[in-house]
Amino acid sequence: MVEWRNVVSNGAVLHWWDNRGNQIGFSRGNRGFIAFNNENYNMNEWLDIGLPAGVYCEVISDAKINNVCTRKSITVYTNGCAHFSILTSDFDGVIAIRIYAKL
């Protein structure tokens, strides 16, 4: 998480989304995006996140090794949108991606 913050810290908070409850997501400029689910139900949302199109390794529960995500990846499409699924059974309830975790 510290590495994510170091990469995105100069970016403005943009692309804010919330469910009017305890699910939120936002970008830090075009450097990274983070989404949280603190509800008692699953989060299953398509969000406009403002990052360049491509596949990104999730940086909290995952790692990029030899240009492969070891667990979870997020695909950003050419329209700037990506699908975020955070289950109530997920260990940490958060997904974070950053520009340097792009494959």
PDB file of N, CA and C in Angstrom:
ATOM      1  N   MET A   1       0.824  -1.192   0.000  1.00  0.00           N
ATOM      2  CA  MET A   1       0.000   0.000   0.000  1.00  0.00           C
ATOM      3  C   MET A   1       0.866   1.253   0.000  1.00  0.00           C
ATOM      4  N   VAL A   2       1.992   1.226   0.695  1.00  0.00           N
ATOM      5  CA  VAL A   2       2.898   2.374   0.716  1.00  0.00           C
ATOM      6  C   VAL A   2       3.443   2.633  -0.681  1.00  0.00           C
ATOM      7  N   GLU A   3       3.773   1.574  -1.393  1.00  0.00           N
ATOM      8  CA  GLU A   3       4.275   1.729  -2.756  1.00  0.00           C
ATOM      9  C   GLU A   3       3.215   2.365  -3.651  1.00  0.00           C
ATOM     10  N   TRP A   4       1.946   1.938  -3.509  1.00  0.00           N
ATOM     11  CA  TRP A   4       0.862   2.532  -4.284  1.00  0.00           C
ATOM     12  C   TRP A   4       0.789   4.027  -4.012  1.00  0.00           C
ATOM     13  N   ARG A   5       0.829   4.408  -2.749  1.00  0.00           N
ATOM     14  CA  ARG A   5       0.764   5.815  -2.379  1.00  0.00           C
ATOM     15  C   ARG A   5       1.935   6.599  -2.960  1.00  0.00           C
ATOM     16  N   ASN A   6       3.130   6.022  -2.907  1.00  0.00           N
ATOM     17  CA  ASN A   6       4.302   6.712  -3.442  1.00  0.00           C
ATOM     18  C   ASN A   6       4.177   6.964  -4.944  1.00  0.00           C
ATOM     19  N   VAL A   7       3.582   6.032  -5.666  1.00  0.00           N
ATOM     20  CA  VAL A   7       3.426   6.179  -7.115  1.00  0.00           C
ATOM     21  C   VAL A   7       2.356   7.208  -7.456  1.00  0.00           C
ATOM     22  N   VAL A   8       1.275   7.259  -6.703  1.00  0.00           N
ATOM     23  CA  VAL A   8       0.121   8.086  -7.075  1.00  0.00           C
ATOM     24  C   VAL A   8       0.031   9.410  -6.326  1.00  0.00           C
ATOM     25  N   SER A   9       0.909   9.672  -5.390  1.00  0.00           N
ATOM     26  CA  SER A   9       0.739  10.798  -4.469  1.00  0.00           C
ATOM     27  C   SER A   9       0.634  12.159  -5.150  1.00  0.00           C
ATOM     28  N   ASN A  10       1.207  12.346  -6.328  1.00  0.00           N
ATOM     29  CA  ASN A  10       1.133  13.635  -7.011  1.00  0.00           C
ATOM     30  C   ASN A  10      -0.133  13.803  -7.837  1.00  0.00           C
ATOM     31  N   GLY A  11      -0.955  12.773  -7.928  1.00  0.00           N
ATOM     32  CA  GLY A  11      -2.159  12.849  -8.746  1.00  0.00           C
ATOM     33  C   GLY A  11      -3.350  13.377  -7.970  1.00  0.00           C
ATOM     34  N   ALA A  12      -4.156  14.176  -8.635  1.00  0.00           N
ATOM     35  CA  ALA A  12      -5.383  14.694  -8.026  1.00  0.00           C
ATOM     36  C   ALA A  12      -6.402  13.572  -7.869  1.00  0.00           C
ATOM     37  N   VAL A  13      -7.279  13.703  -6.887  1.00  0.00           N
ATOM     38  CA  VAL A  13      -8.368  12.739  -6.720  1.00  0.00           C
ATOM     39  C   VAL A  13      -9.402  13.005  -7.811  1.00  0.00           C
ATOM     40  N   LEU A  14      -9.588  12.001  -8.688  1.00  0.00           N
ATOM     41  CA  LEU A  14     -10.515  12.101  -9.815  1.00  0.00           C
ATOM     42  C   LEU A  14     -11.340  10.818  -9.903  1.00  0.00           C
ATOM     43  N   HIS A  15     -12.280  10.805 -10.801  1.00  0.00           N
ATOM     44  CA  HIS A  15     -13.087   9.605 -11.089  1.00  0.00           C
ATOM     45  C   HIS A  15     -13.699   9.015  -9.816  1.00  0.00           C
ATOM     46  N   TRP A  16     -14.185   9.885  -8.952  1.00  0.00           N
ATOM     47  CA  TRP A  16     -14.803   9.435  -7.695  1.00  0.00           C
ATOM     48  C   TRP A  16     -16.089   8.680  -8.001  1.00  0.00           C
ATOM     49  N   TRP A  17     -16.259   7.550  -7.330  1.00  0.00           N
ATOM     50  CA  TRP A  17     -17.500   6.792  -7.402  1.00  0.00           C
ATOM     51  C   TRP A  17     -17.822   6.303  -5.996  1.00  0.00           C
ATOM     52  N   ASP A  18     -19.110   6.307  -5.659  1.00  0.00           N
ATOM     53  CA  ASP A  18     -19.541   5.660  -4.414  1.00  0.00           C
ATOM     54  C   ASP A  18     -20.972   5.185  -4.592  1.00  0.00           C
ATOM     55  N   ASN A  19     -21.349   4.276  -3.725  1.00  0.00           N
ATOM     56  CA  ASN A  19     -22.702   3.726  -3.773  1.00  0.00           C
ATOM     57  C   ASN A  19     -23.619   4.422  -2.762  1.00  0.00           C
ATOM     58  N   ARG A  20     -23.178   5.580  -2.267  1.00  0.00           N
ATOM     59  CA  ARG A  20     -23.873   6.329  -1.217  1.00  0.00           C
ATOM     60  C   ARG A  20     -23.847   5.575   0.100  1.00  0.00           C
ATOM     61  N   GLY A  21     -22.859   4.695   0.208  1.00  0.00           N
ATOM     62  CA  GLY A  21     -22.674   3.907   1.419  1.00  0.00           C
ATOM     63  C   GLY A  21     -21.194   3.671   1.634  1.00  0.00           C
ATOM     64  N   ASN A  22     -20.839   2.418   1.780  1.00  0.00           N
ATOM     65  CA  ASN A  22     -19.465   2.053   2.118  1.00  0.00           C
ATOM     66  C   ASN A  22     -18.723   1.336   0.991  1.00  0.00           C
ATOM     67  N   GLN A  23     -19.083   1.631  -0.236  1.00  0.00           N
ATOM     68  CA  GLN A  23     -18.311   1.203  -1.393  1.00  0.00           C
ATOM     69  C   GLN A  23     -17.862   2.476  -2.096  1.00  0.00           C
ATOM     70  N   ILE A  24     -16.543   2.624  -2.269  1.00  0.00           N
ATOM     71  CA  ILE A  24     -16.022   3.805  -2.932  1.00  0.00           C
ATOM     72  C   ILE A  24     -14.891   3.413  -3.868  1.00  0.00           C
ATOM     73  N   GLY A  25     -14.614   4.301  -4.805  1.00  0.00           N
ATOM     74  CA  GLY A  25     -13.473   4.148  -5.691  1.00  0.00           C
ATOM     75  C   GLY A  25     -13.051   5.508  -6.190  1.00  0.00           C
ATOM     76  N   PHE A  26     -11.768   5.680  -6.440  1.00  0.00           N
ATOM     77  CA  PHE A  26     -11.278   6.934  -6.990  1.00  0.00           C
ATOM     78  C   PHE A  26      -9.907   6.728  -7.595  1.00  0.00           C
ATOM     79  N   SER A  27      -9.577   7.601  -8.545  1.00  0.00           N
ATOM     80  CA  SER A  27      -8.233   7.576  -9.128  1.00  0.00           C
ATOM     81  C   SER A  27      -7.411   8.684  -8.492  1.00  0.00           C
ATOM     82  N   ARG A  28      -6.118   8.553  -8.631  1.00  0.00           N
ATOM     83  CA  ARG A  28      -5.184   9.644  -8.330  1.00  0.00           C
ATOM     84  C   ARG A  28      -4.567   9.998  -9.675  1.00  0.00           C
ATOM     85  N   GLY A  29      -5.199  10.984 -10.341  1.00  0.00           N
ATOM     86  CA  GLY A  29      -4.803  11.352 -11.693  1.00  0.00           C
ATOM     87  C   GLY A  29      -4.895  10.151 -12.609  1.00  0.00           C
ATOM     88  N   ASN A  30      -3.887   9.984 -13.450  1.00  0.00           N
ATOM     89  CA  ASN A  30      -3.831   8.798 -14.312  1.00  0.00           C
ATOM     90  C   ASN A  30      -2.743   7.847 -13.835  1.00  0.00           C
ATOM     91  N   ARG A  31      -2.445   7.887 -12.528  1.00  0.00           N
ATOM     92  CA  ARG A  31      -1.363   7.093 -11.944  1.00  0.00           C
ATOM     93  C   ARG A  31      -1.852   5.828 -11.240  1.00  0.00           C
ATOM     94  N   GLY A  32      -3.085   5.837 -10.739  1.00  0.00           N
ATOM     95  CA  GLY A  32      -3.585   4.664 -10.031  1.00  0.00           C
ATOM     96  C   GLY A  32      -5.051   4.812  -9.687  1.00  0.00           C
ATOM     97  N   PHE A  33      -5.650   3.700  -9.317  1.00  0.00           N
ATOM     98  CA  PHE A  33      -7.058   3.670  -8.920  1.00  0.00           C
ATOM     99  C   PHE A  33      -7.195   2.696  -7.763  1.00  0.00           C
ATOM    100  N   ILE A  34      -8.098   3.030  -6.832  1.00  0.00           N
ATOM    101  CA  ILE A  34      -8.344   2.160  -5.690  1.00  0.00           C
ATOM    102  C   ILE A  34      -9.845   2.079  -5.446  1.00  0.00           C
ATOM    103  N   ALA A  35     -10.321   0.904  -5.064  1.00  0.00           N
ATOM    104  CA  ALA A  35     -11.732   0.692  -4.755  1.00  0.00           C
ATOM    105  C   ALA A  35     -11.832  -0.089  -3.447  1.00  0.00           C
ATOM    106  N   PHE A  36     -12.817   0.287  -2.619  1.00  0.00           N
ATOM    107  CA  PHE A  36     -13.036  -0.338  -1.323  1.00  0.00           C
ATOM    108  C   PHE A  36     -14.464  -0.845  -1.234  1.00  0.00           C
ATOM    109  N   ASN A  37     -14.639  -2.001  -0.599  1.00  0.00           N
ATOM    110  CA  ASN A  37     -15.965  -2.504  -0.279  1.00  0.00           C
ATOM    111  C   ASN A  37     -16.018  -2.789   1.217  1.00  0.00           C
ATOM    112  N   ASN A  38     -16.762  -1.971   1.925  1.00  0.00           N
ATOM    113  CA  ASN A  38     -16.962  -2.176   3.353  1.00  0.00           C
ATOM    114  C   ASN A  38     -18.450  -2.365   3.653  1.00  0.00           C
ATOM    115  N   GLU A  39     -19.138  -2.967   2.693  1.00  0.00           N
ATOM    116  CA  GLU A  39     -20.559  -3.289   2.853  1.00  0.00           C
ATOM    117  C   GLU A  39     -20.708  -4.764   3.245  1.00  0.00           C
ATOM    118  N   ASN A  40     -21.911  -5.153   3.586  1.00  0.00           N
ATOM    119  CA  ASN A  40     -22.210  -6.554   3.880  1.00  0.00           C
ATOM    120  C   ASN A  40     -22.717  -7.286   2.642  1.00  0.00           C
ATOM    121  N   TYR A  41     -22.426  -6.750   1.472  1.00  0.00           N
ATOM    122  CA  TYR A  41     -22.772  -7.396   0.213  1.00  0.00           C
ATOM    123  C   TYR A  41     -21.648  -7.121  -0.794  1.00  0.00           C
ATOM    124  N   ASN A  42     -21.592  -7.937  -1.825  1.00  0.00           N
ATOM    125  CA  ASN A  42     -20.512  -7.863  -2.808  1.00  0.00           C
ATOM    126  C   ASN A  42     -20.583  -6.576  -3.630  1.00  0.00           C
ATOM    127  N   MET A  43     -19.430  -6.105  -4.035  1.00  0.00           N
ATOM    128  CA  MET A  43     -19.331  -4.992  -4.974  1.00  0.00           C
ATOM    129  C   MET A  43     -19.093  -5.590  -6.358  1.00  0.00           C
ATOM    130  N   ASN A  44     -19.869  -5.155  -7.328  1.00  0.00           N
ATOM    131  CA  ASN A  44     -19.772  -5.664  -8.696  1.00  0.00           C
ATOM    132  C   ASN A  44     -20.095  -4.501  -9.625  1.00  0.00           C
ATOM    133  N   GLU A  45     -19.064  -3.705  -9.971  1.00  0.00           N
ATOM    134  CA  GLU A  45     -19.284  -2.449 -10.676  1.00  0.00           C
ATOM    135  C   GLU A  45     -18.321  -2.256 -11.839  1.00  0.00           C
ATOM    136  N   TRP A  46     -18.836  -1.654 -12.901  1.00  0.00           N
ATOM    137  CA  TRP A  46     -18.009  -1.129 -13.985  1.00  0.00           C
ATOM    138  C   TRP A  46     -17.782   0.337 -13.681  1.00  0.00           C
ATOM    139  N   LEU A  47     -16.516   0.749 -13.620  1.00  0.00           N
ATOM    140  CA  LEU A  47     -16.188   2.114 -13.240  1.00  0.00           C
ATOM    141  C   LEU A  47     -15.276   2.762 -14.276  1.00  0.00           C
ATOM    142  N   ASP A  48     -15.495   4.057 -14.495  1.00  0.00           N
ATOM    143  CA  ASP A  48     -14.599   4.859 -15.330  1.00  0.00           C
ATOM    144  C   ASP A  48     -13.438   5.268 -14.430  1.00  0.00           C
ATOM    145  N   ILE A  49     -12.220   4.803 -14.756  1.00  0.00           N
ATOM    146  CA  ILE A  49     -11.119   4.984 -13.812  1.00  0.00           C
ATOM    147  C   ILE A  49     -10.000   5.895 -14.300  1.00  0.00           C
ATOM    148  N   GLY A  50      -9.981   6.248 -15.580  1.00  0.00           N
ATOM    149  CA  GLY A  50      -9.017   7.224 -16.067  1.00  0.00           C
ATOM    150  C   GLY A  50      -7.601   6.743 -16.280  1.00  0.00           C
ATOM    151  N   LEU A  51      -7.365   5.458 -16.264  1.00  0.00           N
ATOM    152  CA  LEU A  51      -6.029   4.934 -16.550  1.00  0.00           C
ATOM    153  C   LEU A  51      -5.968   4.470 -18.004  1.00  0.00           C
ATOM    154  N   PRO A  52      -4.767   4.441 -18.574  1.00  0.00           N
ATOM    155  CA  PRO A  52      -4.632   3.951 -19.948  1.00  0.00           C
ATOM    156  C   PRO A  52      -5.090   2.495 -20.076  1.00  0.00           C
ATOM    157  N   ALA A  53      -5.606   2.145 -21.242  1.00  0.00           N
ATOM    158  CA  ALA A  53      -6.064   0.782 -21.494  1.00  0.00           C
ATOM    159  C   ALA A  53      -4.924  -0.208 -21.297  1.00  0.00           C
ATOM    160  N   GLY A  54      -5.277  -1.390 -20.801  1.00  0.00           N
ATOM    161  CA  GLY A  54      -4.303  -2.451 -20.594  1.00  0.00           C
ATOM    162  C   GLY A  54      -4.680  -3.310 -19.411  1.00  0.00           C
ATOM    163  N   VAL A  55      -3.827  -4.263 -19.116  1.00  0.00           N
ATOM    164  CA  VAL A  55      -4.029  -5.178 -17.985  1.00  0.00           C
ATOM    165  C   VAL A  55      -3.068  -4.770 -16.879  1.00  0.00           C
ATOM    166  N   TYR A  56      -3.604  -4.649 -15.666  1.00  0.00           N
ATOM    167  CA  TYR A  56      -2.842  -4.227 -14.495  1.00  0.00           C
ATOM    168  C   TYR A  56      -2.911  -5.299 -13.409  1.00  0.00           C
ATOM    169  N   CYS A  57      -1.802  -5.549 -12.763  1.00  0.00           N
ATOM    170  CA  CYS A  57      -1.800  -6.437 -11.597  1.00  0.00           C
ATOM    171  C   CYS A  57      -2.335  -5.670 -10.404  1.00  0.00           C
ATOM    172  N   GLU A  58      -3.199  -6.305  -9.645  1.00  0.00           N
ATOM    173  CA  GLU A  58      -3.699  -5.736  -8.403  1.00  0.00           C
ATOM    174  C   GLU A  58      -2.534  -5.729  -7.424  1.00  0.00           C
ATOM    175  N   VAL A  59      -2.235  -4.594  -6.806  1.00  0.00           N
ATOM    176  CA  VAL A  59      -0.973  -4.455  -6.072  1.00  0.00           C
ATOM    177  C   VAL A  59      -1.057  -4.712  -4.569  1.00  0.00           C
ATOM    178  N   ILE A  60      -2.242  -4.934  -4.030  1.00  0.00           N
ATOM    179  CA  ILE A  60      -2.329  -5.210  -2.595  1.00  0.00           C
ATOM    180  C   ILE A  60      -2.190  -6.702  -2.323  1.00  0.00           C
ATOM    181  N   SER A  61      -2.928  -7.517  -3.062  1.00  0.00           N
ATOM    182  CA  SER A  61      -2.883  -8.956  -2.822  1.00  0.00           C
ATOM    183  C   SER A  61      -2.083  -9.699  -3.884  1.00  0.00           C
ATOM    184  N   ASP A  62      -1.475  -8.979  -4.795  1.00  0.00           N
ATOM    185  CA  ASP A  62      -0.851  -9.597  -5.960  1.00  0.00           C
ATOM    186  C   ASP A  62       0.533  -9.022  -6.189  1.00  0.00           C
ATOM    187  N   ALA A  63       1.225  -9.626  -7.103  1.00  0.00           N
ATOM    188  CA  ALA A  63       2.539  -9.138  -7.508  1.00  0.00           C
ATOM    189  C   ALA A  63       2.702  -9.358  -9.003  1.00  0.00           C
ATOM    190  N   LYS A  64       3.567  -8.566  -9.614  1.00  0.00           N
ATOM    191  CA  LYS A  64       3.909  -8.737 -11.018  1.00  0.00           C
ATOM    192  C   LYS A  64       5.301  -9.362 -11.051  1.00  0.00           C
ATOM    193  N   ILE A  65       5.365 -10.604 -11.525  1.00  0.00           N
ATOM    194  CA  ILE A  65       6.631 -11.322 -11.596  1.00  0.00           C
ATOM    195  C   ILE A  65       6.807 -11.804 -13.031  1.00  0.00           C
ATOM    196  N   ASN A  66       7.933 -11.438 -13.638  1.00  0.00           N
ATOM    197  CA  ASN A  66       8.209 -11.813 -15.032  1.00  0.00           C
ATOM    198  C   ASN A  66       7.050 -11.440 -15.954  1.00  0.00           C
ATOM    199  N   ASN A  67       6.499 -10.255 -15.730  1.00  0.00           N
ATOM    200  CA  ASN A  67       5.420  -9.705 -16.542  1.00  0.00           C
ATOM    201  C   ASN A  67       4.137 -10.536 -16.500  1.00  0.00           C
ATOM    202  N   VAL A  68       3.889 -11.169 -15.351  1.00  0.00           N
ATOM    203  CA  VAL A  68       2.666 -11.944 -15.132  1.00  0.00           C
ATOM    204  C   VAL A  68       2.120 -11.591 -13.754  1.00  0.00           C
ATOM    205  N   CYS A  69       0.803 -11.426 -13.660  1.00  0.00           N
ATOM    206  CA  CYS A  69       0.170 -11.212 -12.355  1.00  0.00           C
ATOM    207  C   CYS A  69       0.080 -12.558 -11.640  1.00  0.00           C
ATOM    208  N   THR A  70       0.462 -12.589 -10.382  1.00  0.00           N
ATOM    209  CA  THR A  70       0.457 -13.856  -9.651  1.00  0.00           C
ATOM    210  C   THR A  70      -0.926 -14.232  -9.118  1.00  0.00           C
ATOM    211  N   ARG A  71      -1.849 -13.282  -8.976  1.00  0.00           N
ATOM    212  CA  ARG A  71      -3.190 -13.611  -8.490  1.00  0.00           C
ATOM    213  C   ARG A  71      -4.284 -12.925  -9.278  1.00  0.00           C
ATOM    214  N   LYS A  72      -4.449 -11.637  -9.078  1.00  0.00           N
ATOM    215  CA  LYS A  72      -5.599 -10.918  -9.618  1.00  0.00           C
ATOM    216  C   LYS A  72      -5.143  -9.813 -10.566  1.00  0.00           C
ATOM    217  N   SER A  73      -5.882  -9.637 -11.650  1.00  0.00           N
ATOM    218  CA  SER A  73      -5.589  -8.551 -12.583  1.00  0.00           C
ATOM    219  C   SER A  73      -6.876  -7.800 -12.901  1.00  0.00           C
ATOM    220  N   ILE A  74      -6.699  -6.559 -13.344  1.00  0.00           N
ATOM    221  CA  ILE A  74      -7.814  -5.701 -13.749  1.00  0.00           C
ATOM    222  C   ILE A  74      -7.532  -5.244 -15.175  1.00  0.00           C
ATOM    223  N   THR A  75      -8.520  -5.398 -16.055  1.00  0.00           N
ATOM    224  CA  THR A  75      -8.388  -4.946 -17.429  1.00  0.00           C
ATOM    225  C   THR A  75      -9.086  -3.608 -17.584  1.00  0.00           C
ATOM    226  N   VAL A  76      -8.346  -2.623 -18.060  1.00  0.00           N
ATOM    227  CA  VAL A  76      -8.908  -1.316 -18.390  1.00  0.00           C
ATOM    228  C   VAL A  76      -9.100  -1.296 -19.903  1.00  0.00           C
ATOM    229  N   TYR A  77     -10.311  -1.003 -20.324  1.00  0.00           N
ATOM    230  CA  TYR A  77     -10.651  -1.005 -21.740  1.00  0.00           C
ATOM    231  C   TYR A  77     -10.391   0.372 -22.358  1.00  0.00           C
ATOM    232  N   THR A  78     -10.449   0.452 -23.679  1.00  0.00           N
ATOM    233  CA  THR A  78     -10.122   1.694 -24.382  1.00  0.00           C
ATOM    234  C   THR A  78     -11.043   2.853 -24.001  1.00  0.00           C
ATOM    235  N   ASN A  79     -12.222   2.556 -23.474  1.00  0.00           N
ATOM    236  CA  ASN A  79     -13.134   3.615 -23.021  1.00  0.00           C
ATOM    237  C   ASN A  79     -12.794   4.094 -21.610  1.00  0.00           C
ATOM    238  N   GLY A  80     -11.729   3.550 -20.998  1.00  0.00           N
ATOM    239  CA  GLY A  80     -11.302   3.974 -19.666  1.00  0.00           C
ATOM    240  C   GLY A  80     -12.016   3.278 -18.526  1.00  0.00           C
ATOM    241  N   CYS A  81     -12.858   2.302 -18.833  1.00  0.00           N
ATOM    242  CA  CYS A  81     -13.621   1.596 -17.797  1.00  0.00           C
ATOM    243  C   CYS A  81     -12.993   0.252 -17.452  1.00  0.00           C
ATOM    244  N   ALA A  82     -13.244  -0.171 -16.225  1.00  0.00           N
ATOM    245  CA  ALA A  82     -12.775  -1.468 -15.745  1.00  0.00           C
ATOM    246  C   ALA A  82     -13.824  -2.047 -14.803  1.00  0.00           C
ATOM    247  N   HIS A  83     -13.841  -3.363 -14.713  1.00  0.00           N
ATOM    248  CA  HIS A  83     -14.785  -4.054 -13.833  1.00  0.00           C
ATOM    249  C   HIS A  83     -14.122  -4.348 -12.490  1.00  0.00           C
ATOM    250  N   PHE A  84     -14.812  -3.992 -11.416  1.00  0.00           N
ATOM    251  CA  PHE A  84     -14.323  -4.246 -10.066  1.00  0.00           C
ATOM    252  C   PHE A  84     -15.300  -5.150  -9.336  1.00  0.00           C
ATOM    253  N   SER A  85     -14.793  -6.284  -8.897  1.00  0.00           N
ATOM    254  CA  SER A  85     -15.569  -7.233  -8.109  1.00  0.00           C
ATOM    255  C   SER A  85     -14.837  -7.449  -6.792  1.00  0.00           C
ATOM    256  N   ILE A  86     -15.442  -6.976  -5.711  1.00  0.00           N
ATOM    257  CA  ILE A  86     -14.867  -7.178  -4.375  1.00  0.00           C
ATOM    258  C   ILE A  86     -15.926  -7.888  -3.548  1.00  0.00           C
ATOM    259  N   LEU A  87     -15.650  -9.131  -3.221  1.00  0.00           N
ATOM    260  CA  LEU A  87     -16.594  -9.962  -2.492  1.00  0.00           C
ATOM    261  C   LEU A  87     -16.495  -9.709  -0.993  1.00  0.00           C
ATOM    262  N   THR A  88     -17.579  -9.957  -0.297  1.00  0.00           N
ATOM    263  CA  THR A  88     -17.535  -9.829   1.170  1.00  0.00           C
ATOM    264  C   THR A  88     -16.592 -10.865   1.773  1.00  0.00           C
ATOM    265  N   SER A  89     -16.349 -11.945   1.059  1.00  0.00           N
ATOM    266  CA  SER A  89     -15.444 -12.989   1.546  1.00  0.00           C
ATOM    267  C   SER A  89     -13.975 -12.681   1.248  1.00  0.00           C
ATOM    268  N   ASP A  90     -13.688 -11.647   0.448  1.00  0.00           N
ATOM    269  CA  ASP A  90     -12.302 -11.278   0.168  1.00  0.00           C
ATOM    270  C   ASP A  90     -11.620 -10.840   1.457  1.00  0.00           C
ATOM    271  N   PHE A  91     -10.360 -11.179   1.586  1.00  0.00           N
ATOM    272  CA  PHE A  91      -9.621 -10.925   2.814  1.00  0.00           C
ATOM    273  C   PHE A  91      -9.552  -9.450   3.174  1.00  0.00           C
ATOM    274  N   ASP A  92      -9.229  -8.592   2.191  1.00  0.00           N
ATOM    275  CA  ASP A  92      -8.976  -7.202   2.544  1.00  0.00           C
ATOM    276  C   ASP A  92     -10.029  -6.207   2.046  1.00  0.00           C
ATOM    277  N   GLY A  93     -10.915  -6.578   1.144  1.00  0.00           N
ATOM    278  CA  GLY A  93     -11.976  -5.682   0.703  1.00  0.00           C
ATOM    279  C   GLY A  93     -11.518  -4.485  -0.100  1.00  0.00           C
ATOM    280  N   VAL A  94     -10.354  -4.588  -0.720  1.00  0.00           N
ATOM    281  CA  VAL A  94      -9.822  -3.464  -1.491  1.00  0.00           C
ATOM    282  C   VAL A  94      -9.095  -3.981  -2.728  1.00  0.00           C
ATOM    283  N   ILE A  95      -9.175  -3.210  -3.802  1.00  0.00           N
ATOM    284  CA  ILE A  95      -8.410  -3.462  -5.023  1.00  0.00           C
ATOM    285  C   ILE A  95      -7.695  -2.166  -5.371  1.00  0.00           C
ATOM    286  N   ALA A  96      -6.401  -2.255  -5.589  1.00  0.00           N
ATOM    287  CA  ALA A  96      -5.615  -1.088  -5.984  1.00  0.00           C
ATOM    288  C   ALA A  96      -4.755  -1.450  -7.185  1.00  0.00           C
ATOM    289  N   ILE A  97      -4.747  -0.556  -8.173  1.00  0.00           N
ATOM    290  CA  ILE A  97      -3.865  -0.731  -9.321  1.00  0.00           C
ATOM    291  C   ILE A  97      -3.076   0.557  -9.505  1.00  0.00           C
ATOM    292  N   ARG A  98      -1.932   0.429 -10.138  1.00  0.00           N
ATOM    293  CA  ARG A  98      -1.092   1.599 -10.376  1.00  0.00           C
ATOM    294  C   ARG A  98      -0.413   1.452 -11.727  1.00  0.00           C
ATOM    295  N   ILE A  99       0.022   2.558 -12.251  1.00  0.00           N
ATOM    296  CA  ILE A  99       0.538   2.613 -13.614  1.00  0.00           C
ATOM    297  C   ILE A  99       1.718   1.652 -13.819  1.00  0.00           C
ATOM    298  N   TYR A 100       2.605   1.506 -12.846  1.00  0.00           N
ATOM    299  CA  TYR A 100       3.784   0.640 -13.018  1.00  0.00           C
ATOM    300  C   TYR A 100       3.487  -0.844 -12.863  1.00  0.00           C
ATOM    301  N   ALA A 101       2.243  -1.191 -12.552  1.00  0.00           N
ATOM    302  CA  ALA A 101       1.854  -2.592 -12.468  1.00  0.00           C
ATOM    303  C   ALA A 101       1.147  -3.043 -13.748  1.00  0.00           C
ATOM    304  N   LYS A 102       1.261  -2.228 -14.789  1.00  0.00           N
ATOM    305  CA  LYS A 102       0.648  -2.567 -16.077  1.00  0.00           C
ATOM    306  C   LYS A 102       1.526  -3.591 -16.784  1.00  0.00           C
ATOM    307  N   LEU A 103       0.874  -4.611 -17.345  1.00  0.00           N
ATOM    308  CA  LEU A 103       1.615  -5.635 -18.090  1.00  0.00           C
ATOM    309  C   LEU A 103       1.994  -5.132 -19.459  1.00  0.00           C
TER     310      LEU A 103
END
